[in-house]
Protein backbone atom coordinates (compact mmCIF):
# COMPACT_ATOMS: atom_id res chain seq x y z
CA UNK A 1 107.04 -28.08 61.76
CA UNK A 2 103.06 -27.75 60.58
CA UNK A 3 100.84 -25.49 62.21
CA UNK A 4 99.73 -27.18 65.71
CA UNK A 5 96.71 -25.92 66.52
CA UNK A 6 95.39 -23.48 63.24
CA UNK A 7 91.84 -23.09 62.37
CA UNK A 8 91.64 -20.93 59.13
CA UNK A 9 89.05 -18.22 58.17
CA UNK A 10 88.53 -15.26 55.93
CA UNK A 11 85.90 -12.71 55.30
CA UNK A 12 85.56 -10.81 51.97
CA UNK A 13 83.90 -7.50 51.22
CA UNK A 14 83.24 -6.58 47.15
CA UNK A 15 83.82 -2.92 46.91
CA UNK A 16 80.42 -0.85 45.71
CA UNK A 17 81.70 -0.47 42.32
CA UNK A 18 83.51 -3.57 42.22
CA UNK A 19 87.17 -3.24 40.98
CA UNK A 20 88.74 -4.24 44.24
CA UNK A 21 87.62 -6.51 47.37
CA UNK A 22 89.04 -6.70 51.06
CA UNK A 23 89.71 -9.59 52.67
CA UNK A 24 89.87 -10.17 56.68
CA UNK A 25 90.99 -12.48 58.94
CA UNK A 26 88.97 -14.55 60.41
CA UNK A 27 91.26 -17.23 61.70
CA UNK A 28 91.86 -18.93 64.80
CA UNK A 29 95.81 -18.71 65.01
CA UNK A 30 96.62 -19.75 68.77
CA UNK A 31 99.98 -17.97 68.11
CA UNK A 32 101.20 -19.05 64.94
CA UNK A 33 100.54 -16.10 62.81
CA UNK A 34 104.38 -15.38 62.92
CA UNK A 35 105.02 -18.99 61.55
CA UNK A 36 103.44 -18.09 58.28
CA UNK A 37 106.17 -17.98 55.48
CA UNK A 38 103.62 -17.51 52.33
CA UNK A 39 100.10 -16.62 51.78
CA UNK A 40 97.96 -16.64 48.42
CA UNK A 41 94.73 -15.55 47.89
CA UNK A 42 93.38 -17.68 45.29
CA UNK A 43 90.18 -16.57 43.05
CA UNK A 44 87.72 -18.59 40.64
CA UNK A 45 84.24 -17.05 39.26
CA UNK A 46 82.05 -20.22 37.86
CA UNK A 47 79.95 -18.15 35.29
CA UNK A 48 76.33 -18.99 34.09
CA UNK A 49 77.95 -21.32 32.15
CA UNK A 50 79.62 -23.21 34.74
CA UNK A 51 83.09 -22.25 33.22
CA UNK A 52 85.34 -22.11 36.02
CA UNK A 53 87.71 -19.12 35.69
CA UNK A 54 90.65 -18.94 37.92
CA UNK A 55 92.63 -15.94 38.51
CA UNK A 56 96.47 -16.26 39.03
CA UNK A 57 97.51 -16.73 42.77
CA UNK A 58 97.52 -13.49 44.58
CA UNK A 59 100.35 -13.53 47.16
CA UNK A 60 100.65 -11.82 50.26
CA UNK A 61 104.20 -12.45 50.85
CA UNK A 62 106.26 -11.56 48.04
CA UNK A 63 110.13 -11.41 48.35
CA UNK A 64 110.43 -11.24 51.69
CA UNK A 65 107.99 -8.17 52.05
CA UNK A 66 104.96 -9.35 54.13
CA UNK A 67 103.03 -6.01 54.39
CA UNK A 68 100.31 -7.46 52.37
CA UNK A 69 99.72 -10.65 55.00
CA UNK A 70 99.73 -8.15 57.63
CA UNK A 71 96.53 -5.93 56.34
CA UNK A 72 95.22 -9.20 56.28
CA UNK A 73 95.74 -10.02 59.76
CA UNK A 74 94.73 -6.09 60.52
CA UNK A 75 91.41 -5.00 61.64
CA UNK A 76 91.24 -2.46 58.43
CA UNK A 77 91.85 -6.34 56.06
CA UNK A 78 93.71 -6.37 53.20
CA UNK A 79 92.78 -4.42 49.75
CA UNK A 80 92.86 -6.70 46.50
CA UNK A 81 92.24 -4.54 43.56
CA UNK A 82 91.71 -6.05 40.10
CA UNK A 83 93.77 -3.45 38.43
CA UNK A 84 96.47 -6.23 40.37
CA UNK A 85 94.52 -9.57 39.31
CA UNK A 86 95.60 -11.20 36.59
CA UNK A 87 95.01 -14.46 34.59
CA UNK A 88 97.48 -16.10 32.59
CA UNK A 89 99.69 -13.38 33.73
CA UNK A 90 96.88 -11.15 31.45
CA UNK A 91 95.21 -7.97 32.80
CA UNK A 92 91.21 -9.67 32.09
CA UNK A 93 89.12 -6.17 32.86
CA UNK A 94 88.26 -3.29 35.48
CA UNK A 95 86.13 -5.06 37.56
CA UNK A 96 85.07 -8.34 39.11
CA UNK A 97 82.32 -8.99 36.48
CA UNK A 98 78.76 -9.88 38.89
CA UNK A 99 78.60 -13.84 39.71
CA UNK A 100 79.31 -17.02 41.60
CA UNK A 101 82.51 -16.72 43.52
CA UNK A 102 84.88 -18.62 44.96
CA UNK A 103 87.92 -17.02 47.01
CA UNK A 104 90.00 -19.06 48.81
CA UNK A 105 93.51 -18.58 51.01
CA UNK A 106 96.52 -20.68 51.66
CA UNK A 107 99.07 -20.51 54.14
CA UNK A 108 102.05 -22.58 54.54
CA UNK A 109 105.12 -22.19 57.19
CA UNK A 110 107.00 -23.91 54.57
CA UNK A 111 106.57 -27.32 55.46
CA UNK A 112 103.68 -28.53 53.53
CA UNK A 113 103.72 -30.00 50.21
CA UNK A 114 102.24 -27.58 47.45
CA UNK A 115 97.91 -28.30 47.15
CA UNK A 116 98.36 -29.76 50.52
CA UNK A 117 98.16 -26.38 52.82
CA UNK A 118 95.81 -24.78 55.29
CA UNK A 119 92.46 -23.04 53.24
CA UNK A 120 89.73 -21.68 53.83
CA UNK A 121 87.12 -20.98 51.36
CA UNK A 122 84.84 -18.04 51.51
CA UNK A 123 81.45 -18.72 48.66
CA UNK A 124 80.12 -15.36 48.01
CA UNK A 125 78.07 -13.48 44.83
CA UNK A 126 79.86 -10.75 43.41
CA UNK A 127 76.50 -8.10 42.95
CA UNK A 128 78.83 -4.52 42.43
CA UNK A 129 76.82 -3.84 38.95
CA UNK A 130 73.55 -5.18 39.69
CA UNK A 131 73.15 -3.23 43.49
CA UNK A 132 74.51 0.10 41.19
CA UNK A 133 71.36 -0.44 38.57
CA UNK A 134 69.33 -0.94 41.00
CA UNK A 135 70.28 2.23 42.93
CA UNK A 136 69.27 3.51 39.58
CA UNK A 137 66.42 2.83 39.42
CA UNK A 138 64.28 4.93 41.84
CA UNK A 139 65.40 8.31 40.12
CA UNK A 140 64.27 6.71 36.13
CA UNK A 141 61.17 4.86 37.52
CA UNK A 142 59.59 6.94 40.84
CA UNK A 143 57.62 10.18 40.53
CA UNK A 144 54.88 12.31 42.71
CA UNK A 145 51.75 11.60 42.65
CA UNK A 146 52.23 8.06 43.15
CA UNK A 147 49.63 6.59 40.90
CA UNK A 148 48.58 2.84 41.06
CA UNK A 149 51.14 2.23 38.44
CA UNK A 150 54.27 3.67 40.60
CA UNK A 151 52.96 2.18 43.73
CA UNK A 152 53.79 -1.22 41.04
CA UNK A 153 57.30 0.12 40.22
CA UNK A 154 57.89 1.17 43.91
CA UNK A 155 57.23 -2.27 45.11
CA UNK A 156 59.24 -3.99 42.20
CA UNK A 157 61.71 -1.94 43.40
CA UNK A 158 61.81 -3.21 47.16
CA UNK A 159 61.31 -6.81 46.07
CA UNK A 160 64.54 -6.29 43.76
CA UNK A 161 66.19 -5.80 46.94
CA UNK A 162 64.99 -9.18 48.43
CA UNK A 163 66.24 -10.70 45.37
CA UNK A 164 69.36 -9.41 45.64
CA UNK A 165 69.82 -10.53 49.26
CA UNK A 166 68.69 -13.84 48.19
CA UNK A 167 70.68 -14.35 45.80
CA UNK A 168 74.15 -13.02 48.00
CA UNK A 169 72.69 -15.44 50.92
CA UNK A 170 72.24 -18.63 48.71
CA UNK A 171 75.79 -18.46 47.40
CA UNK A 172 77.43 -18.27 51.27
CA UNK A 173 75.69 -21.71 51.46
CA UNK A 174 76.57 -23.03 48.39
CA UNK A 175 73.53 -23.34 46.89
CA UNK A 176 74.29 -22.51 43.47
CA UNK A 177 71.02 -23.76 41.63
CA UNK A 178 68.86 -21.06 43.59
CA UNK A 179 71.64 -18.84 43.12
CA UNK A 180 71.00 -18.67 39.27
CA UNK A 181 67.11 -18.63 39.98
CA UNK A 182 67.44 -15.38 41.96
CA UNK A 183 69.73 -13.91 39.25
CA UNK A 184 67.73 -14.60 36.33
CA UNK A 185 64.47 -13.14 38.16
CA UNK A 186 67.00 -10.53 38.91
CA UNK A 187 68.19 -10.56 35.11
CA UNK A 188 64.06 -9.90 34.31
CA UNK A 189 63.13 -7.05 36.10
CA UNK A 190 65.90 -5.20 34.75
CA UNK A 191 64.98 -5.94 31.16
CA UNK A 192 61.15 -5.74 31.87
CA UNK A 193 62.12 -1.82 32.99
CA UNK A 194 64.78 -1.55 30.63
CA UNK A 195 67.57 -0.32 33.44
CA UNK A 196 71.11 0.39 31.78
CA UNK A 197 74.49 -0.99 32.77
CA UNK A 198 76.45 1.53 34.54
CA UNK A 199 79.80 0.16 33.05
């Protein structure tokens, strides 16, 4: 029996160190969450060359264990660690690379054909590394007294915060071209000041 009045929704928050994300349920269930027999998270990273890197599905219900799904439904959300993610069964890295992502969650009560399940896709930017680099800039660049040169550096650091916010907002609107443009500016600023990568 298919869901009768179900509106899928989800919210995704990346950890500061890029090692995990937490996904929260924003669905309108109308009492049907208990009917779910399978749910899975599908992560896609679209890199700078427009290559689509698909991670293996991350099931929220495994062998009759629905505790990850119950965590997803809770106010705390479900924590998805990069160490548990695979591509073609292989471990790939310790952290999610910065970039443009699509995080899709699918649900079924057992009545849907594969590929026809209700789903929700969150489009967002994962920028943990760039935000860490930005946080390191004041200690590397600023000093006292504040000269005109220090003031310009301070303004660049402030502007970088705006570009990071703008890149994340562009991704959330699925405006990949604008996202790429902001990322190019962000990289130029880091290169100009020779900011080291944190990992």
